[in-house]
Amino acid sequence: MDNLDKLDFLYKEIAYAESKLQPQDTGHISTAISWMQQRVRETQEEIRNANVHREGHKKSGYMGRNMLME
């Protein structure tokens, strides 16, 4: 699963979990939502870092083994 698929999955799971929230007795769902939102932020950061890293290599002219495979 790549990071874009992971984000799609997390967004859908968050929406589903939010639909299950009730005024009482669903604190565990709120906790799960918060955790998944943190995973979204981490995954977004991974994507940003990968793009910055890739762009830096393109500007420098470096084409390492992994860059050639993309």
Protein backbone atom coordinates (compact mmCIF):
# COMPACT_ATOMS: atom_id res chain seq x y z
CA MET A 1 0.00 0.00 0.00
CA ASP A 2 1.53 3.32 -0.98
CA ASN A 3 1.08 6.51 1.01
CA LEU A 4 -1.75 7.83 -1.17
CA ASP A 5 -3.69 4.59 -0.68
CA LYS A 6 -2.96 4.81 3.04
CA LEU A 7 -4.39 8.35 3.17
CA ASP A 8 -7.50 7.28 1.28
CA PHE A 9 -8.02 4.39 3.68
CA LEU A 10 -7.49 6.59 6.75
CA TYR A 11 -9.90 9.27 5.52
CA LYS A 12 -12.60 6.66 4.95
CA GLU A 13 -12.01 5.06 8.36
CA ILE A 14 -12.15 8.46 10.08
CA ALA A 15 -15.45 9.27 8.35
CA TYR A 16 -16.88 5.90 9.34
CA ALA A 17 -15.74 6.28 12.96
CA GLU A 18 -17.18 9.79 13.12
CA SER A 19 -20.53 8.43 11.95
CA LYS A 20 -20.55 6.11 14.97
CA LEU A 21 -20.01 8.82 17.59
CA GLN A 22 -22.77 9.21 20.17
CA PRO A 23 -23.19 11.75 23.00
CA GLN A 24 -22.14 9.09 25.53
CA ASP A 25 -20.01 5.96 25.80
CA THR A 26 -17.98 6.45 22.62
CA GLY A 27 -14.80 7.93 24.07
CA HIS A 28 -12.86 4.99 22.65
CA ILE A 29 -14.05 5.98 19.17
CA SER A 30 -12.93 9.59 19.74
CA THR A 31 -9.54 8.28 20.81
CA ALA A 32 -9.31 6.14 17.67
CA ILE A 33 -10.26 9.12 15.49
CA SER A 34 -7.54 11.24 17.08
CA TRP A 35 -4.99 8.49 16.53
CA MET A 36 -5.99 8.09 12.87
CA GLN A 37 -5.82 11.87 12.36
CA GLN A 38 -2.27 11.78 13.69
CA ARG A 39 -1.45 8.99 11.22
CA VAL A 40 -2.84 11.19 8.42
CA ARG A 41 -0.51 14.03 9.48
CA GLU A 42 2.46 11.64 9.65
CA THR A 43 1.68 10.18 6.23
CA GLN A 44 1.27 13.66 4.72
CA GLU A 45 4.67 14.58 6.15
CA GLU A 46 6.20 11.42 4.65
CA ILE A 47 4.79 12.41 1.25
CA ARG A 48 6.12 15.97 1.58
CA ASN A 49 9.55 14.74 2.62
CA ALA A 50 9.69 12.27 -0.26
CA ASN A 51 8.75 15.01 -2.73
CA VAL A 52 11.32 17.44 -1.32
CA HIS A 53 13.97 14.72 -1.41
CA ARG A 54 13.05 13.76 -4.98
CA GLU A 55 12.99 17.41 -6.15
CA GLY A 56 16.37 18.03 -4.53
CA HIS A 57 17.88 15.15 -6.48
CA LYS A 58 16.33 16.35 -9.74
CA LYS A 59 17.80 19.82 -9.25
CA SER A 60 21.23 18.44 -8.41
CA GLY A 61 21.22 16.13 -11.42
CA TYR A 62 21.67 13.06 -9.18
CA MET A 63 19.81 10.03 -10.40
CA GLY A 64 20.38 7.29 -7.86
CA ARG A 65 19.22 3.73 -8.30
CA ASN A 66 15.82 4.36 -6.68
CA MET A 67 15.22 7.48 -8.74
CA LEU A 68 15.80 5.57 -11.98
CA MET A 69 13.16 3.01 -11.01
CA GLU A 70 10.36 5.57 -10.59
